[in-house]
Amino acid sequence: MIPNITLTDAPTPEMRRAIVEPLVEFNHSRIGKPETYRPLAVLLSNPESDEIVGGLHGATAFSHLWIDLLFVPESMRGIGIGRQLMAQAEAEAVRRGCRAAVLDTFSFQARGFYERLGYSVFGTLNDCPPGHSRFYMTKQLGGQKLT
């Protein structure tokens, strides 16, 4: 069979599922155990309206915390809120058995913030976006050695 190949800029959740499910099955066959992907979020909300105004979003999988998003409104920066969000996510990741955390940040974002929290760069993608760099960072969690 020669498959059809289709490009779309509007993939549906079903399309993603059709790719993810066999990939997860393949991964499980290679790592010897089912891997538990669990979402994780630490939210900032307005105490008067409960409107979410920022926070951290990620997941735990493969014994790692994967931080996808971190946003603290400018009016709340510099008073330790970002550090609190990171600490809560990292503590929950350790409770879930994670041994490291991974994230990425752009050169115009928060590399120094993450470095002050113990993260180090393990990879750089230059000129992404043009004129800037993207840094891939990691941190050991829970006192466990990375191998």
Protein backbone atom coordinates (compact mmCIF):
# COMPACT_ATOMS: atom_id res chain seq x y z
CA MET A 1 0.00 0.00 0.00
CA ILE A 2 1.23 3.49 -0.84
CA PRO A 3 -0.41 5.94 1.58
CA ASN A 4 -1.85 9.32 0.76
CA ILE A 5 0.10 12.19 2.31
CA THR A 6 -1.96 15.18 3.37
CA LEU A 7 -0.80 18.54 4.77
CA THR A 8 -3.24 20.48 6.96
CA ASP A 9 -3.08 23.64 9.03
CA ALA A 10 -6.21 22.61 10.93
CA PRO A 11 -5.48 19.27 12.58
CA THR A 12 -8.24 17.89 14.81
CA PRO A 13 -7.84 16.16 18.17
CA GLU A 14 -8.72 12.90 16.40
CA MET A 15 -5.85 13.38 13.94
CA ARG A 16 -3.43 13.90 16.81
CA ARG A 17 -4.79 10.87 18.63
CA ALA A 18 -4.27 8.73 15.51
CA ILE A 19 -0.56 9.64 15.63
CA VAL A 20 -0.05 9.67 19.41
CA GLU A 21 -1.66 6.33 20.28
CA PRO A 22 0.57 4.10 18.12
CA LEU A 23 3.63 6.19 19.09
CA VAL A 24 2.88 5.72 22.79
CA GLU A 25 2.40 1.98 22.21
CA PHE A 26 5.78 1.84 20.42
CA ASN A 27 7.47 3.79 23.23
CA HIS A 28 6.02 1.49 25.88
CA SER A 29 7.35 -1.54 24.00
CA ARG A 30 10.85 -0.04 24.14
CA ILE A 31 10.98 1.34 27.69
CA GLY A 32 9.44 -1.75 29.25
CA LYS A 33 6.64 -0.07 31.17
CA PRO A 34 3.68 2.18 30.49
CA GLU A 35 4.73 5.79 30.90
CA THR A 36 2.30 7.99 32.76
CA TYR A 37 1.83 11.40 31.18
CA ARG A 38 0.20 13.73 33.70
CA PRO A 39 -0.62 17.38 33.06
CA LEU A 40 0.44 19.93 35.66
CA ALA A 41 -0.52 23.58 36.14
CA VAL A 42 0.14 26.15 38.85
CA LEU A 43 -2.20 29.07 38.29
CA LEU A 44 -2.19 32.75 39.24
CA SER A 45 -5.66 34.23 39.60
CA ASN A 46 -7.23 37.51 40.54
CA PRO A 47 -8.58 37.08 44.11
CA GLU A 48 -11.63 39.22 43.34
CA SER A 49 -12.73 37.66 40.04
CA ASP A 50 -10.90 34.29 39.98
CA GLU A 51 -9.76 35.22 36.46
CA ILE A 52 -6.54 33.39 35.58
CA VAL A 53 -3.85 36.01 34.94
CA GLY A 54 -0.79 33.79 34.58
CA GLY A 55 0.89 30.68 35.82
CA LEU A 56 2.87 27.62 34.84
CA HIS A 57 1.70 24.85 32.50
CA GLY A 58 3.46 21.59 31.78
CA ALA A 59 3.39 17.86 32.38
CA THR A 60 5.31 15.02 33.93
CA ALA A 61 6.42 12.10 31.77
CA PHE A 62 9.48 9.87 31.40
CA SER A 63 10.52 10.78 34.99
CA HIS A 64 10.88 14.45 33.98
CA LEU A 65 8.93 17.65 34.51
CA TRP A 66 8.35 19.29 31.13
CA ILE A 67 7.57 23.00 31.56
CA ASP A 68 5.80 24.33 28.48
CA LEU A 69 4.68 27.76 29.65
CA LEU A 70 5.45 30.20 32.45
CA PHE A 71 3.91 33.65 32.54
CA VAL A 72 3.87 36.21 35.33
CA PRO A 73 2.26 39.58 34.52
CA GLU A 74 4.79 42.41 34.46
CA SER A 75 3.10 44.11 37.44
CA MET A 76 3.80 40.99 39.54
CA ARG A 77 7.42 40.38 38.53
CA GLY A 78 10.39 40.80 40.83
CA ILE A 79 8.59 39.80 44.05
CA GLY A 80 9.16 36.04 43.98
CA ILE A 81 5.97 34.83 42.33
CA GLY A 82 7.75 33.14 39.42
CA ARG A 83 10.07 31.42 41.88
CA GLN A 84 7.02 30.21 43.86
CA LEU A 85 5.37 28.81 40.74
CA MET A 86 8.55 26.96 39.79
CA ALA A 87 9.05 25.62 43.33
CA GLN A 88 5.49 24.27 43.49
CA ALA A 89 5.79 22.59 40.08
CA GLU A 90 9.19 21.10 40.94
CA ALA A 91 7.94 19.81 44.33
CA GLU A 92 4.95 18.15 42.68
CA ALA A 93 7.24 16.65 40.03
CA VAL A 94 9.43 15.13 42.77
CA ARG A 95 6.28 13.69 44.43
CA ARG A 96 5.48 12.13 41.04
CA GLY A 97 8.92 10.54 40.91
CA CYS A 98 10.61 12.95 38.52
CA ARG A 99 14.38 13.30 38.59
CA ALA A 100 14.80 16.37 36.36
CA ALA A 101 12.99 19.30 34.79
CA VAL A 102 13.24 20.55 31.21
CA LEU A 103 12.14 23.85 29.64
CA ASP A 104 13.04 26.27 26.90
CA THR A 105 13.24 30.05 26.80
CA PHE A 106 14.11 32.69 24.25
CA SER A 107 17.05 35.10 24.55
CA PHE A 108 14.56 37.96 25.12
CA GLN A 109 12.81 36.07 27.94
CA ALA A 110 14.02 34.62 31.24
CA ARG A 111 17.26 32.66 30.85
CA GLY A 112 18.85 34.45 33.83
CA PHE A 113 15.81 33.75 36.00
CA TYR A 114 16.02 30.03 35.28
CA GLU A 115 19.79 29.97 35.82
CA ARG A 116 19.30 31.54 39.27
CA LEU A 117 16.93 28.64 40.03
CA GLY A 118 19.62 26.10 39.11
CA TYR A 119 18.81 25.42 35.46
CA SER A 120 21.60 25.09 32.92
CA VAL A 121 21.60 25.29 29.12
CA PHE A 122 22.07 21.98 27.32
CA GLY A 123 21.25 23.20 23.84
CA THR A 124 20.85 26.38 21.81
CA LEU A 125 18.93 27.03 18.62
CA ASN A 126 20.36 30.22 17.11
CA ASP A 127 18.38 32.64 14.97
CA CYS A 128 15.04 31.29 16.26
CA PRO A 129 13.21 33.59 15.94
CA PRO A 130 15.47 35.54 13.57
CA GLY A 131 17.89 37.70 15.52
CA HIS A 132 17.38 35.76 18.75
CA SER A 133 18.21 32.37 20.27
CA ARG A 134 16.18 29.65 21.95
CA PHE A 135 17.79 27.98 24.96
CA TYR A 136 16.95 24.47 26.14
CA MET A 137 17.54 24.11 29.86
CA THR A 138 17.45 21.38 32.49
CA LYS A 139 17.74 21.00 36.24
CA GLN A 140 18.25 17.99 38.46
CA LEU A 141 15.41 17.51 40.96
CA GLY A 142 15.23 15.88 44.36
CA GLY A 143 18.94 15.41 44.84
CA GLN A 144 19.09 12.60 42.26
CA LYS A 145 22.05 12.35 39.89
CA LEU A 146 21.34 12.57 36.18
CA THR A 147 23.04 9.86 34.15
